[in-house]
Amino acid sequence: MGIGDKISNKAEELGGKIERGVGDLTDNEELEAKGAAKEAAAKAKQAGEHVKDAAKDVVDDVKDATHDKRH
């Protein structure tokens, strides 16, 4: 995950938390739900990026191990 993606996802998560909090404070259930949905979507994106990063690390480890055995 690039640093730009990390920042964007965290900003989206924070925006969702703020929106959810404002909805809670103002008893606006629709705003609260929209904020919760944005927060959940951002967390899902972050989880997906973590999976991609982990898969890339595994591929890199296999390449390194294969390279080491050849040399």
PDB file of N, CA and C in Angstrom:
ATOM      1  N   MET A   1       0.856  -1.159   0.000  1.00  0.00           N
ATOM      2  CA  MET A   1       0.000   0.000   0.000  1.00  0.00           C
ATOM      3  C   MET A   1       0.904   1.224   0.000  1.00  0.00           C
ATOM      4  N   GLY A   2       0.632   2.127  -0.917  1.00  0.00           N
ATOM      5  CA  GLY A   2       1.405   3.348  -0.969  1.00  0.00           C
ATOM      6  C   GLY A   2       1.001   4.303   0.141  1.00  0.00           C
ATOM      7  N   ILE A   3       1.891   5.228   0.436  1.00  0.00           N
ATOM      8  CA  ILE A   3       1.635   6.178   1.518  1.00  0.00           C
ATOM      9  C   ILE A   3       0.401   7.030   1.206  1.00  0.00           C
ATOM     10  N   GLY A   4       0.202   7.349  -0.071  1.00  0.00           N
ATOM     11  CA  GLY A   4      -0.976   8.127  -0.455  1.00  0.00           C
ATOM     12  C   GLY A   4      -2.269   7.388  -0.162  1.00  0.00           C
ATOM     13  N   ASP A   5      -2.268   6.069  -0.439  1.00  0.00           N
ATOM     14  CA  ASP A   5      -3.451   5.249  -0.147  1.00  0.00           C
ATOM     15  C   ASP A   5      -3.701   5.182   1.352  1.00  0.00           C
ATOM     16  N   LYS A   6      -2.623   5.034   2.119  1.00  0.00           N
ATOM     17  CA  LYS A   6      -2.767   4.958   3.576  1.00  0.00           C
ATOM     18  C   LYS A   6      -3.376   6.246   4.120  1.00  0.00           C
ATOM     19  N   ILE A   7      -2.865   7.365   3.642  1.00  0.00           N
ATOM     20  CA  ILE A   7      -3.369   8.660   4.103  1.00  0.00           C
ATOM     21  C   ILE A   7      -4.830   8.838   3.697  1.00  0.00           C
ATOM     22  N   SER A   8      -5.133   8.500   2.459  1.00  0.00           N
ATOM     23  CA  SER A   8      -6.505   8.636   1.963  1.00  0.00           C
ATOM     24  C   SER A   8      -7.478   7.767   2.754  1.00  0.00           C
ATOM     25  N   ASN A   9      -7.093   6.520   3.007  1.00  0.00           N
ATOM     26  CA  ASN A   9      -7.969   5.614   3.755  1.00  0.00           C
ATOM     27  C   ASN A   9      -8.157   6.071   5.196  1.00  0.00           C
ATOM     28  N   LYS A  10      -7.085   6.542   5.827  1.00  0.00           N
ATOM     29  CA  LYS A  10      -7.203   7.037   7.204  1.00  0.00           C
ATOM     30  C   LYS A  10      -8.069   8.292   7.250  1.00  0.00           C
ATOM     31  N   ALA A  11      -7.905   9.165   6.254  1.00  0.00           N
ATOM     32  CA  ALA A  11      -8.717  10.381   6.202  1.00  0.00           C
ATOM     33  C   ALA A  11     -10.190  10.029   6.021  1.00  0.00           C
ATOM     34  N   GLU A  12     -10.461   9.046   5.165  1.00  0.00           N
ATOM     35  CA  GLU A  12     -11.846   8.609   4.956  1.00  0.00           C
ATOM     36  C   GLU A  12     -12.415   8.011   6.242  1.00  0.00           C
ATOM     37  N   GLU A  13     -11.593   7.218   6.936  1.00  0.00           N
ATOM     38  CA  GLU A  13     -12.042   6.630   8.206  1.00  0.00           C
ATOM     39  C   GLU A  13     -12.340   7.725   9.227  1.00  0.00           C
ATOM     40  N   LEU A  14     -11.442   8.690   9.339  1.00  0.00           N
ATOM     41  CA  LEU A  14     -11.635   9.790  10.285  1.00  0.00           C
ATOM     42  C   LEU A  14     -12.877  10.605   9.930  1.00  0.00           C
ATOM     43  N   GLY A  15     -13.066  10.877   8.641  1.00  0.00           N
ATOM     44  CA  GLY A  15     -14.261  11.605   8.211  1.00  0.00           C
ATOM     45  C   GLY A  15     -15.534  10.863   8.583  1.00  0.00           C
ATOM     46  N   GLY A  16     -15.511   9.546   8.424  1.00  0.00           N
ATOM     47  CA  GLY A  16     -16.666   8.734   8.806  1.00  0.00           C
ATOM     48  C   GLY A  16     -16.928   8.785  10.297  1.00  0.00           C
ATOM     49  N   LYS A  17     -15.847   8.740  11.085  1.00  0.00           N
ATOM     50  CA  LYS A  17     -15.999   8.812  12.548  1.00  0.00           C
ATOM     51  C   LYS A  17     -16.606  10.148  12.956  1.00  0.00           C
ATOM     52  N   ILE A  18     -16.113  11.211  12.328  1.00  0.00           N
ATOM     53  CA  ILE A  18     -16.626  12.544  12.652  1.00  0.00           C
ATOM     54  C   ILE A  18     -18.099  12.648  12.265  1.00  0.00           C
ATOM     55  N   GLU A  19     -18.418  12.197  11.058  1.00  0.00           N
ATOM     56  CA  GLU A  19     -19.807  12.257  10.590  1.00  0.00           C
ATOM     57  C   GLU A  19     -20.721  11.431  11.500  1.00  0.00           C
ATOM     58  N   ARG A  20     -20.255  10.249  11.875  1.00  0.00           N
ATOM     59  CA  ARG A  20     -21.042   9.394  12.780  1.00  0.00           C
ATOM     60  C   ARG A  20     -21.236  10.088  14.123  1.00  0.00           C
ATOM     61  N   GLY A  21     -20.170  10.708  14.635  1.00  0.00           N
ATOM     62  CA  GLY A  21     -20.253  11.405  15.918  1.00  0.00           C
ATOM     63  C   GLY A  21     -21.201  12.586  15.881  1.00  0.00           C
ATOM     64  N   VAL A  22     -21.143  13.362  14.798  1.00  0.00           N
ATOM     65  CA  VAL A  22     -22.052  14.502  14.653  1.00  0.00           C
ATOM     66  C   VAL A  22     -23.493  14.004  14.567  1.00  0.00           C
ATOM     67  N   GLY A  23     -23.692  12.924  13.830  1.00  0.00           N
ATOM     68  CA  GLY A  23     -25.035  12.344  13.739  1.00  0.00           C
ATOM     69  C   GLY A  23     -25.544  11.894  15.090  1.00  0.00           C
ATOM     70  N   ASP A  24     -24.659  11.316  15.882  1.00  0.00           N
ATOM     71  CA  ASP A  24     -25.035  10.868  17.226  1.00  0.00           C
ATOM     72  C   ASP A  24     -25.384  12.058  18.118  1.00  0.00           C
ATOM     73  N   LEU A  25     -24.553  13.093  18.068  1.00  0.00           N
ATOM     74  CA  LEU A  25     -24.786  14.271  18.910  1.00  0.00           C
ATOM     75  C   LEU A  25     -26.067  15.018  18.544  1.00  0.00           C
ATOM     76  N   THR A  26     -26.405  15.006  17.269  1.00  0.00           N
ATOM     77  CA  THR A  26     -27.578  15.755  16.809  1.00  0.00           C
ATOM     78  C   THR A  26     -28.815  14.871  16.652  1.00  0.00           C
ATOM     79  N   ASP A  27     -28.703  13.631  17.080  1.00  0.00           N
ATOM     80  CA  ASP A  27     -29.798  12.658  16.934  1.00  0.00           C
ATOM     81  C   ASP A  27     -30.254  12.516  15.482  1.00  0.00           C
ATOM     82  N   ASN A  28     -29.295  12.608  14.569  1.00  0.00           N
ATOM     83  CA  ASN A  28     -29.572  12.448  13.146  1.00  0.00           C
ATOM     84  C   ASN A  28     -29.122  11.041  12.751  1.00  0.00           C
ATOM     85  N   GLU A  29     -30.071  10.119  12.754  1.00  0.00           N
ATOM     86  CA  GLU A  29     -29.745   8.715  12.493  1.00  0.00           C
ATOM     87  C   GLU A  29     -29.198   8.491  11.090  1.00  0.00           C
ATOM     88  N   GLU A  30     -29.696   9.254  10.125  1.00  0.00           N
ATOM     89  CA  GLU A  30     -29.220   9.103   8.744  1.00  0.00           C
ATOM     90  C   GLU A  30     -27.746   9.501   8.641  1.00  0.00           C
ATOM     91  N   LEU A  31     -27.387  10.625   9.239  1.00  0.00           N
ATOM     92  CA  LEU A  31     -26.000  11.084   9.223  1.00  0.00           C
ATOM     93  C   LEU A  31     -25.100  10.101   9.970  1.00  0.00           C
ATOM     94  N   GLU A  32     -25.589   9.606  11.077  1.00  0.00           N
ATOM     95  CA  GLU A  32     -24.837   8.628  11.863  1.00  0.00           C
ATOM     96  C   GLU A  32     -24.587   7.359  11.036  1.00  0.00           C
ATOM     97  N   ALA A  33     -25.604   6.903  10.329  1.00  0.00           N
ATOM     98  CA  ALA A  33     -25.474   5.696   9.502  1.00  0.00           C
ATOM     99  C   ALA A  33     -24.512   5.922   8.337  1.00  0.00           C
ATOM    100  N   LYS A  34     -24.604   7.094   7.703  1.00  0.00           N
ATOM    101  CA  LYS A  34     -23.687   7.408   6.600  1.00  0.00           C
ATOM    102  C   LYS A  34     -22.245   7.437   7.095  1.00  0.00           C
ATOM    103  N   GLY A  35     -22.035   8.024   8.254  1.00  0.00           N
ATOM    104  CA  GLY A  35     -20.693   8.072   8.827  1.00  0.00           C
ATOM    105  C   GLY A  35     -20.167   6.689   9.150  1.00  0.00           C
ATOM    106  N   ALA A  36     -21.015   5.863   9.726  1.00  0.00           N
ATOM    107  CA  ALA A  36     -20.613   4.492  10.057  1.00  0.00           C
ATOM    108  C   ALA A  36     -20.276   3.714   8.791  1.00  0.00           C
ATOM    109  N   ALA A  37     -21.048   3.934   7.725  1.00  0.00           N
ATOM    110  CA  ALA A  37     -20.793   3.246   6.455  1.00  0.00           C
ATOM    111  C   ALA A  37     -19.458   3.684   5.858  1.00  0.00           C
ATOM    112  N   LYS A  38     -19.171   4.986   5.901  1.00  0.00           N
ATOM    113  CA  LYS A  38     -17.891   5.487   5.383  1.00  0.00           C
ATOM    114  C   LYS A  38     -16.724   4.918   6.183  1.00  0.00           C
ATOM    115  N   GLU A  39     -16.896   4.885   7.486  1.00  0.00           N
ATOM    116  CA  GLU A  39     -15.855   4.350   8.364  1.00  0.00           C
ATOM    117  C   GLU A  39     -15.601   2.870   8.053  1.00  0.00           C
ATOM    118  N   ALA A  40     -16.665   2.109   7.897  1.00  0.00           N
ATOM    119  CA  ALA A  40     -16.535   0.680   7.596  1.00  0.00           C
ATOM    120  C   ALA A  40     -15.887   0.459   6.231  1.00  0.00           C
ATOM    121  N   ALA A  41     -16.263   1.273   5.251  1.00  0.00           N
ATOM    122  CA  ALA A  41     -15.682   1.142   3.914  1.00  0.00           C
ATOM    123  C   ALA A  41     -14.182   1.427   3.945  1.00  0.00           C
ATOM    124  N   ALA A  42     -13.791   2.445   4.687  1.00  0.00           N
ATOM    125  CA  ALA A  42     -12.371   2.775   4.792  1.00  0.00           C
ATOM    126  C   ALA A  42     -11.598   1.652   5.474  1.00  0.00           C
ATOM    127  N   LYS A  43     -12.169   1.084   6.517  1.00  0.00           N
ATOM    128  CA  LYS A  43     -11.504  -0.024   7.210  1.00  0.00           C
ATOM    129  C   LYS A  43     -11.386  -1.242   6.297  1.00  0.00           C
ATOM    130  N   ALA A  44     -12.398  -1.477   5.471  1.00  0.00           N
ATOM    131  CA  ALA A  44     -12.346  -2.603   4.529  1.00  0.00           C
ATOM    132  C   ALA A  44     -11.244  -2.382   3.494  1.00  0.00           C
ATOM    133  N   LYS A  45     -11.113  -1.150   3.017  1.00  0.00           N
ATOM    134  CA  LYS A  45     -10.039  -0.835   2.065  1.00  0.00           C
ATOM    135  C   LYS A  45      -8.676  -1.069   2.707  1.00  0.00           C
ATOM    136  N   GLN A  46      -8.540  -0.641   3.961  1.00  0.00           N
ATOM    137  CA  GLN A  46      -7.274  -0.826   4.664  1.00  0.00           C
ATOM    138  C   GLN A  46      -6.955  -2.305   4.818  1.00  0.00           C
ATOM    139  N   ALA A  47      -7.957  -3.097   5.157  1.00  0.00           N
ATOM    140  CA  ALA A  47      -7.749  -4.542   5.309  1.00  0.00           C
ATOM    141  C   ALA A  47      -7.329  -5.160   3.982  1.00  0.00           C
ATOM    142  N   GLY A  48      -7.969  -4.745   2.899  1.00  0.00           N
ATOM    143  CA  GLY A  48      -7.601  -5.248   1.577  1.00  0.00           C
ATOM    144  C   GLY A  48      -6.177  -4.888   1.209  1.00  0.00           C
ATOM    145  N   GLU A  49      -5.774  -3.675   1.527  1.00  0.00           N
ATOM    146  CA  GLU A  49      -4.405  -3.253   1.243  1.00  0.00           C
ATOM    147  C   GLU A  49      -3.397  -4.040   2.080  1.00  0.00           C
ATOM    148  N   HIS A  50      -3.764  -4.354   3.321  1.00  0.00           N
ATOM    149  CA  HIS A  50      -2.875  -5.157   4.168  1.00  0.00           C
ATOM    150  C   HIS A  50      -2.692  -6.552   3.588  1.00  0.00           C
ATOM    151  N   VAL A  51      -3.764  -7.117   3.045  1.00  0.00           N
ATOM    152  CA  VAL A  51      -3.676  -8.441   2.414  1.00  0.00           C
ATOM    153  C   VAL A  51      -2.752  -8.370   1.197  1.00  0.00           C
ATOM    154  N   LYS A  52      -2.908  -7.327   0.387  1.00  0.00           N
ATOM    155  CA  LYS A  52      -2.034  -7.160  -0.783  1.00  0.00           C
ATOM    156  C   LYS A  52      -0.575  -7.043  -0.351  1.00  0.00           C
ATOM    157  N   ASP A  53      -0.323  -6.248   0.685  1.00  0.00           N
ATOM    158  CA  ASP A  53       1.044  -6.078   1.178  1.00  0.00           C
ATOM    159  C   ASP A  53       1.620  -7.399   1.663  1.00  0.00           C
ATOM    160  N   ALA A  54       0.820  -8.171   2.388  1.00  0.00           N
ATOM    161  CA  ALA A  54       1.287  -9.461   2.900  1.00  0.00           C
ATOM    162  C   ALA A  54       1.587 -10.419   1.751  1.00  0.00           C
ATOM    163  N   ALA A  55       0.738 -10.429   0.742  1.00  0.00           N
ATOM    164  CA  ALA A  55       0.965 -11.301  -0.415  1.00  0.00           C
ATOM    165  C   ALA A  55       2.241 -10.897  -1.144  1.00  0.00           C
ATOM    166  N   LYS A  56       2.461  -9.606  -1.286  1.00  0.00           N
ATOM    167  CA  LYS A  56       3.685  -9.124  -1.935  1.00  0.00           C
ATOM    168  C   LYS A  56       4.906  -9.551  -1.134  1.00  0.00           C
ATOM    169  N   ASP A  57       4.822  -9.467   0.185  1.00  0.00           N
ATOM    170  CA  ASP A  57       5.938  -9.889   1.030  1.00  0.00           C
ATOM    171  C   ASP A  57       6.241 -11.372   0.846  1.00  0.00           C
ATOM    172  N   VAL A  58       5.209 -12.197   0.746  1.00  0.00           N
ATOM    173  CA  VAL A  58       5.407 -13.636   0.542  1.00  0.00           C
ATOM    174  C   VAL A  58       6.082 -13.884  -0.802  1.00  0.00           C
ATOM    175  N   VAL A  59       5.607 -13.213  -1.841  1.00  0.00           N
ATOM    176  CA  VAL A  59       6.206 -13.374  -3.169  1.00  0.00           C
ATOM    177  C   VAL A  59       7.670 -12.952  -3.133  1.00  0.00           C
ATOM    178  N   ASP A  60       7.956 -11.834  -2.490  1.00  0.00           N
ATOM    179  CA  ASP A  60       9.338 -11.371  -2.385  1.00  0.00           C
ATOM    180  C   ASP A  60      10.204 -12.371  -1.629  1.00  0.00           C
ATOM    181  N   ASP A  61       9.672 -12.944  -0.553  1.00  0.00           N
ATOM    182  CA  ASP A  61      10.420 -13.942   0.218  1.00  0.00           C
ATOM    183  C   ASP A  61      10.719 -15.181  -0.621  1.00  0.00           C
ATOM    184  N   VAL A  62       9.747 -15.616  -1.406  1.00  0.00           N
ATOM    185  CA  VAL A  62       9.955 -16.786  -2.271  1.00  0.00           C
ATOM    186  C   VAL A  62      11.007 -16.473  -3.330  1.00  0.00           C
ATOM    187  N   LYS A  63      10.931 -15.290  -3.919  1.00  0.00           N
ATOM    188  CA  LYS A  63      11.936 -14.895  -4.911  1.00  0.00           C
ATOM    189  C   LYS A  63      13.326 -14.871  -4.290  1.00  0.00           C
ATOM    190  N   ASP A  64      13.429 -14.308  -3.090  1.00  0.00           N
ATOM    191  CA  ASP A  64      14.723 -14.248  -2.413  1.00  0.00           C
ATOM    192  C   ASP A  64      15.251 -15.642  -2.114  1.00  0.00           C
ATOM    193  N   ALA A  65      14.394 -16.521  -1.626  1.00  0.00           N
ATOM    194  CA  ALA A  65      14.813 -17.884  -1.297  1.00  0.00           C
ATOM    195  C   ALA A  65      15.244 -18.629  -2.552  1.00  0.00           C
ATOM    196  N   THR A  66      14.514 -18.444  -3.633  1.00  0.00           N
ATOM    197  CA  THR A  66      14.858 -19.095  -4.899  1.00  0.00           C
ATOM    198  C   THR A  66      16.177 -18.559  -5.421  1.00  0.00           C
ATOM    199  N   HIS A  67      16.355 -17.255  -5.326  1.00  0.00           N
ATOM    200  CA  HIS A  67      17.600 -16.635  -5.780  1.00  0.00           C
ATOM    201  C   HIS A  67      18.780 -17.141  -4.963  1.00  0.00           C
ATOM    202  N   ASP A  68      18.607 -17.242  -3.649  1.00  0.00           N
ATOM    203  CA  ASP A  68      19.684 -17.709  -2.774  1.00  0.00           C
ATOM    204  C   ASP A  68      20.092 -19.140  -3.097  1.00  0.00           C
ATOM    205  N   LYS A  69      19.141 -19.986  -3.445  1.00  0.00           N
ATOM    206  CA  LYS A  69      19.453 -21.384  -3.759  1.00  0.00           C
ATOM    207  C   LYS A  69      20.205 -21.500  -5.074  1.00  0.00           C
ATOM    208  N   ARG A  70      19.959 -20.587  -5.985  1.00  0.00           N
ATOM    209  CA  ARG A  70      20.635 -20.632  -7.284  1.00  0.00           C
ATOM    210  C   ARG A  70      22.058 -20.112  -7.202  1.00  0.00           C
ATOM    211  N   HIS A  71      22.330 -19.277  -6.213  1.00  0.00           N
ATOM    212  CA  HIS A  71      23.665 -18.644  -6.146  1.00  0.00           C
ATOM    213  C   HIS A  71      24.404 -19.068  -4.944  1.00  0.00           C
TER     214      HIS A  71
END
